[in-house]
Amino acid sequence: MSLWVKINALVSGIPDNRVRLDIATTINYLYNVYTAGGINEEQLRSELVNICRDIIEMSNPLLAPEEVRKRAEIVADDLVKTMRIKALTDRVRARYGQIIR
């Protein structure tokens, strides 16, 4: 799945459009900072865990804190992997361009 599809799935449980947009924009901003070298992968993961924890708590207020933490870590790890792959793809495309034969 693409990064935007995963972000959309993550925020889909939030009823307020503005909040969804703010979260999506923040995650995209973190991706840009990461690819520019402003933060390392561990810092990216930490920020994403915090964001995911808040989203999961808003979407599932009855979950136990430990379950929220576990889910947030799983979602954040998935986002980091997706961002790593997207960054690699972006670098390759920037280096070699869109060569189609």
C-alpha atoms as a PDB file:
ATOM      1  CA  MET A   1       0.000   0.000   0.000  1.00  0.00           C
ATOM      2  CA  SER A   2       1.153   3.523  -0.653  1.00  0.00           C
ATOM      3  CA  LEU A   3       1.987   5.903   2.155  1.00  0.00           C
ATOM      4  CA  TRP A   4      -1.099   8.044   1.513  1.00  0.00           C
ATOM      5  CA  VAL A   5      -3.395   5.001   1.550  1.00  0.00           C
ATOM      6  CA  LYS A   6      -1.955   3.972   4.922  1.00  0.00           C
ATOM      7  CA  ILE A   7      -2.290   7.480   6.322  1.00  0.00           C
ATOM      8  CA  ASN A   8      -5.879   7.652   5.097  1.00  0.00           C
ATOM      9  CA  ALA A   9      -6.663   4.302   6.723  1.00  0.00           C
ATOM     10  CA  LEU A  10      -5.100   5.493   9.978  1.00  0.00           C
ATOM     11  CA  VAL A  11      -7.163   8.675  10.189  1.00  0.00           C
ATOM     12  CA  SER A  12     -10.393   7.228   8.817  1.00  0.00           C
ATOM     13  CA  GLY A  13     -11.835   6.736  12.307  1.00  0.00           C
ATOM     14  CA  ILE A  14     -11.581  10.420  13.148  1.00  0.00           C
ATOM     15  CA  PRO A  15     -14.843  12.244  12.400  1.00  0.00           C
ATOM     16  CA  ASP A  16     -13.458  15.787  12.138  1.00  0.00           C
ATOM     17  CA  ASN A  17     -12.137  16.561   8.645  1.00  0.00           C
ATOM     18  CA  ARG A  18      -9.796  19.289   9.877  1.00  0.00           C
ATOM     19  CA  VAL A  19      -8.191  16.984  12.444  1.00  0.00           C
ATOM     20  CA  ARG A  20      -7.740  14.263   9.810  1.00  0.00           C
ATOM     21  CA  LEU A  21      -6.077  16.761   7.484  1.00  0.00           C
ATOM     22  CA  ASP A  22      -3.818  18.088  10.252  1.00  0.00           C
ATOM     23  CA  ILE A  23      -2.675  14.583  11.154  1.00  0.00           C
ATOM     24  CA  ALA A  24      -2.079  13.592   7.528  1.00  0.00           C
ATOM     25  CA  THR A  25      -0.139  16.803   6.920  1.00  0.00           C
ATOM     26  CA  THR A  26       1.964  16.224  10.035  1.00  0.00           C
ATOM     27  CA  ILE A  27       2.836  12.680   9.006  1.00  0.00           C
ATOM     28  CA  ASN A  28       3.741  13.873   5.511  1.00  0.00           C
ATOM     29  CA  TYR A  29       5.876  16.635   7.027  1.00  0.00           C
ATOM     30  CA  LEU A  30       7.722  14.039   9.137  1.00  0.00           C
ATOM     31  CA  TYR A  31       8.355  12.031   5.964  1.00  0.00           C
ATOM     32  CA  ASN A  32       9.841  15.118   4.292  1.00  0.00           C
ATOM     33  CA  VAL A  33      12.034  15.927   7.305  1.00  0.00           C
ATOM     34  CA  TYR A  34      13.201  12.290   7.416  1.00  0.00           C
ATOM     35  CA  THR A  35      14.087  12.181   3.714  1.00  0.00           C
ATOM     36  CA  ALA A  36      15.903  15.524   3.999  1.00  0.00           C
ATOM     37  CA  GLY A  37      18.041  14.088   6.803  1.00  0.00           C
ATOM     38  CA  GLY A  38      16.571  16.260   9.548  1.00  0.00           C
ATOM     39  CA  ILE A  39      15.687  13.264  11.721  1.00  0.00           C
ATOM     40  CA  ASN A  40      16.876   9.677  11.779  1.00  0.00           C
ATOM     41  CA  GLU A  41      14.709   6.589  11.560  1.00  0.00           C
ATOM     42  CA  GLU A  42      14.467   6.143  15.332  1.00  0.00           C
ATOM     43  CA  GLN A  43      13.314   9.745  15.813  1.00  0.00           C
ATOM     44  CA  LEU A  44      10.781   9.272  13.006  1.00  0.00           C
ATOM     45  CA  ARG A  45       9.490   6.105  14.647  1.00  0.00           C
ATOM     46  CA  SER A  46       9.197   7.825  18.034  1.00  0.00           C
ATOM     47  CA  GLU A  47       7.184  10.707  16.595  1.00  0.00           C
ATOM     48  CA  LEU A  48       4.929   8.329  14.669  1.00  0.00           C
ATOM     49  CA  VAL A  49       4.303   6.184  17.759  1.00  0.00           C
ATOM     50  CA  ASN A  50       3.142   9.310  19.618  1.00  0.00           C
ATOM     51  CA  ILE A  51       0.835  10.339  16.768  1.00  0.00           C
ATOM     52  CA  CYS A  52      -0.538   6.827  16.312  1.00  0.00           C
ATOM     53  CA  ARG A  53      -1.150   6.455  20.038  1.00  0.00           C
ATOM     54  CA  ASP A  54      -3.246   9.628  20.070  1.00  0.00           C
ATOM     55  CA  ILE A  55      -5.211   8.542  17.005  1.00  0.00           C
ATOM     56  CA  ILE A  56      -5.884   5.074  18.383  1.00  0.00           C
ATOM     57  CA  GLU A  57      -6.968   6.521  21.736  1.00  0.00           C
ATOM     58  CA  MET A  58      -9.388   8.897  19.963  1.00  0.00           C
ATOM     59  CA  SER A  59     -10.767   6.155  17.722  1.00  0.00           C
ATOM     60  CA  ASN A  60     -10.956   3.465  20.432  1.00  0.00           C
ATOM     61  CA  PRO A  61     -11.395   5.162  23.818  1.00  0.00           C
ATOM     62  CA  LEU A  62     -12.199   1.899  25.608  1.00  0.00           C
ATOM     63  CA  LEU A  63      -8.889   0.191  24.822  1.00  0.00           C
ATOM     64  CA  ALA A  64      -6.473  -0.439  27.670  1.00  0.00           C
ATOM     65  CA  PRO A  65      -3.358   1.759  27.600  1.00  0.00           C
ATOM     66  CA  GLU A  66      -1.085  -1.254  26.984  1.00  0.00           C
ATOM     67  CA  GLU A  67      -3.164  -2.319  23.972  1.00  0.00           C
ATOM     68  CA  VAL A  68      -3.100   1.240  22.620  1.00  0.00           C
ATOM     69  CA  ARG A  69       0.699   1.280  22.957  1.00  0.00           C
ATOM     70  CA  LYS A  70       1.086  -2.080  21.183  1.00  0.00           C
ATOM     71  CA  ARG A  71      -1.163  -1.046  18.315  1.00  0.00           C
ATOM     72  CA  ALA A  72       0.557   2.317  18.000  1.00  0.00           C
ATOM     73  CA  GLU A  73       3.957   0.652  17.746  1.00  0.00           C
ATOM     74  CA  ILE A  74       2.726  -1.773  15.087  1.00  0.00           C
ATOM     75  CA  VAL A  75       1.179   0.990  12.981  1.00  0.00           C
ATOM     76  CA  ALA A  76       4.211   3.260  13.407  1.00  0.00           C
ATOM     77  CA  ASP A  77       6.606   0.473  12.395  1.00  0.00           C
ATOM     78  CA  ASP A  78       4.515  -0.168   9.298  1.00  0.00           C
ATOM     79  CA  LEU A  79       4.555   3.529   8.406  1.00  0.00           C
ATOM     80  CA  VAL A  80       8.336   3.707   8.886  1.00  0.00           C
ATOM     81  CA  LYS A  81       8.852   0.733   6.560  1.00  0.00           C
ATOM     82  CA  THR A  82       6.588   2.302   3.967  1.00  0.00           C
ATOM     83  CA  MET A  83       8.416   5.633   4.265  1.00  0.00           C
ATOM     84  CA  ARG A  84      11.784   3.909   3.934  1.00  0.00           C
ATOM     85  CA  ILE A  85      10.673   2.193   0.723  1.00  0.00           C
ATOM     86  CA  LYS A  86       9.104   5.389  -0.650  1.00  0.00           C
ATOM     87  CA  ALA A  87      12.311   7.322   0.123  1.00  0.00           C
ATOM     88  CA  LEU A  88      14.370   4.710  -1.698  1.00  0.00           C
ATOM     89  CA  THR A  89      12.045   4.850  -4.694  1.00  0.00           C
ATOM     90  CA  ASP A  90      12.152   8.654  -4.726  1.00  0.00           C
ATOM     91  CA  ARG A  91      15.968   8.662  -4.593  1.00  0.00           C
ATOM     92  CA  VAL A  92      16.255   6.169  -7.447  1.00  0.00           C
ATOM     93  CA  ARG A  93      13.809   8.133  -9.590  1.00  0.00           C
ATOM     94  CA  ALA A  94      15.650  11.371  -8.841  1.00  0.00           C
ATOM     95  CA  ARG A  95      18.964   9.806  -9.760  1.00  0.00           C
ATOM     96  CA  TYR A  96      17.957   7.965 -12.907  1.00  0.00           C
ATOM     97  CA  GLY A  97      14.792   9.742 -13.959  1.00  0.00           C
ATOM     98  CA  GLN A  98      11.812   8.086 -15.549  1.00  0.00           C
ATOM     99  CA  ILE A  99      13.540   5.924 -18.145  1.00  0.00           C
ATOM    100  CA  ILE A 100      10.920   3.956 -20.046  1.00  0.00           C
ATOM    101  CA  ARG A 101      11.803   1.770 -23.001  1.00  0.00           C
END
